[in-house]
Amino acid sequence: MEQEERRKNLRVKFDTSVWIYPVDDVSGAAIFCQRTRDLSLRGIYCYTDQVLPEGTMVEIRLQLLGTSTALSLNIKAHVVRVDREGIALQFDLIDIDGLFYLKNILYYNSGNPEKIDAELIG
């Protein structure tokens, strides 16, 4: 039996690397996710065998690599789901420049900029 899709945000397949820094970890230990599965305006799924408890507050650095430049988006988030392949993070706070880049990534990869705009408004 298929599970009902409850997510409302458009997701795009997006493979990049992400550094995850647990906010309350005084050791400064970070989790490096070499691959991601998908991305939306509200979150990202990262493949990793290192897990954090649901609800853990994190800061992430999303790596965007172009043909001639590299860019990092710094986003505050929290863990919303953990499964056998990795963790799902929900974005809590992103600066205006980061939102601009994120929106453009989704425009380019989704083929549905109208839906992205509607999500930004709603």
Protein backbone atom coordinates (compact mmCIF):
# COMPACT_ATOMS: atom_id res chain seq x y z
CA MET A 1 0.00 0.00 0.00
CA GLU A 2 1.43 3.38 -0.98
CA GLN A 3 1.91 6.03 1.66
CA GLU A 4 -0.09 9.19 1.02
CA GLU A 5 2.11 12.12 -0.02
CA ARG A 6 1.61 14.79 2.66
CA ARG A 7 4.35 17.15 1.57
CA LYS A 8 3.08 20.23 -0.19
CA ASN A 9 6.30 21.74 -1.48
CA LEU A 10 7.67 20.99 -4.92
CA ARG A 11 10.84 18.93 -4.71
CA VAL A 12 13.55 18.61 -7.30
CA LYS A 13 16.24 15.99 -7.62
CA PHE A 14 19.38 17.77 -6.57
CA ASP A 15 22.75 16.19 -5.88
CA THR A 16 25.28 18.28 -3.99
CA SER A 17 27.27 18.12 -0.78
CA VAL A 18 26.22 19.48 2.58
CA TRP A 19 28.00 20.14 5.87
CA ILE A 20 25.70 19.78 8.90
CA TYR A 21 26.71 21.43 12.18
CA PRO A 22 24.61 20.53 15.25
CA VAL A 23 23.98 23.82 17.10
CA ASP A 24 24.30 22.41 20.62
CA ASP A 25 27.39 20.29 19.95
CA VAL A 26 30.22 22.13 21.74
CA SER A 27 32.80 19.77 20.20
CA GLY A 28 32.33 21.44 16.82
CA ALA A 29 31.85 18.04 15.18
CA ALA A 30 30.17 18.22 11.80
CA ILE A 31 28.51 15.68 9.55
CA PHE A 32 29.55 15.75 5.91
CA CYS A 33 26.96 14.50 3.43
CA GLN A 34 28.55 13.94 0.06
CA ARG A 35 25.20 13.44 -1.66
CA THR A 36 21.68 14.77 -1.40
CA ARG A 37 18.49 13.36 -2.87
CA ASP A 38 16.14 16.31 -3.25
CA LEU A 39 15.64 19.94 -2.42
CA SER A 40 12.65 22.22 -1.88
CA LEU A 41 12.02 25.74 -0.61
CA ARG A 42 11.49 24.23 2.82
CA GLY A 43 14.16 21.57 3.14
CA ILE A 44 16.63 19.01 1.88
CA TYR A 45 17.25 15.27 2.20
CA CYS A 46 20.86 14.18 2.82
CA TYR A 47 22.24 10.67 2.44
CA THR A 48 24.33 9.78 5.48
CA ASP A 49 24.92 6.94 7.89
CA GLN A 50 25.48 9.45 10.70
CA VAL A 51 22.21 10.36 12.33
CA LEU A 52 20.93 13.08 14.61
CA PRO A 53 17.77 12.87 16.70
CA GLU A 54 14.62 14.40 15.25
CA GLY A 55 14.26 17.99 16.38
CA THR A 56 18.02 18.63 16.53
CA MET A 57 18.78 22.22 15.57
CA VAL A 58 21.54 22.50 12.96
CA GLU A 59 23.30 24.96 10.74
CA ILE A 60 24.00 23.67 7.27
CA ARG A 61 26.33 24.75 4.52
CA LEU A 62 24.91 23.75 1.16
CA GLN A 63 27.65 23.58 -1.49
CA LEU A 64 26.81 24.85 -4.97
CA LEU A 65 29.53 24.18 -7.50
CA GLY A 66 29.42 25.77 -10.92
CA THR A 67 31.77 25.38 -13.84
CA SER A 68 33.87 28.34 -12.74
CA THR A 69 32.68 29.26 -9.24
CA ALA A 70 31.73 27.76 -5.90
CA LEU A 71 29.04 29.11 -3.62
CA SER A 72 27.86 28.08 -0.17
CA LEU A 73 24.43 28.75 1.28
CA ASN A 74 24.32 28.90 5.07
CA ILE A 75 20.93 27.88 6.44
CA LYS A 76 19.53 27.23 9.91
CA ALA A 77 17.41 24.09 10.00
CA HIS A 78 16.27 21.18 12.12
CA VAL A 79 16.03 17.42 11.65
CA VAL A 80 12.48 16.35 10.81
CA ARG A 81 13.01 12.72 9.78
CA VAL A 82 15.62 10.01 10.06
CA ASP A 83 15.55 6.79 8.08
CA ARG A 84 17.98 4.05 7.06
CA GLU A 85 19.43 6.11 4.17
CA GLY A 86 19.81 9.52 5.78
CA ILE A 87 18.15 12.56 7.29
CA ALA A 88 15.58 15.13 6.20
CA LEU A 89 16.18 18.73 7.25
CA GLN A 90 13.57 21.48 7.35
CA PHE A 91 14.83 25.01 6.74
CA ASP A 92 14.10 27.49 9.53
CA LEU A 93 16.09 30.58 8.53
CA ILE A 94 17.81 31.56 5.30
CA ASP A 95 19.13 34.98 4.37
CA ILE A 96 17.73 36.88 1.40
CA ASP A 97 20.72 36.10 -0.85
CA GLY A 98 20.45 32.40 -0.03
CA LEU A 99 16.72 32.45 -0.75
CA PHE A 100 17.41 34.08 -4.12
CA TYR A 101 19.88 31.31 -5.10
CA LEU A 102 17.62 28.57 -3.74
CA LYS A 103 14.64 29.93 -5.69
CA ASN A 104 16.68 30.02 -8.91
CA ILE A 105 17.91 26.45 -8.41
CA LEU A 106 14.30 25.32 -8.06
CA TYR A 107 13.14 27.42 -11.04
CA TYR A 108 15.82 25.87 -13.24
CA ASN A 109 15.36 22.26 -12.09
CA SER A 110 11.59 22.09 -11.63
CA GLY A 111 10.25 23.40 -14.92
CA ASN A 112 7.43 24.88 -12.85
CA PRO A 113 8.39 28.40 -11.70
CA GLU A 114 4.73 29.30 -11.13
CA LYS A 115 4.45 26.67 -8.39
CA ILE A 116 7.65 27.93 -6.77
CA ASP A 117 6.27 31.49 -6.80
CA ALA A 118 3.01 30.29 -5.26
CA GLU A 119 4.95 28.54 -2.48
CA LEU A 120 6.89 31.74 -1.77
CA ILE A 121 3.66 33.71 -1.42
CA GLY A 122 1.77 31.07 0.57
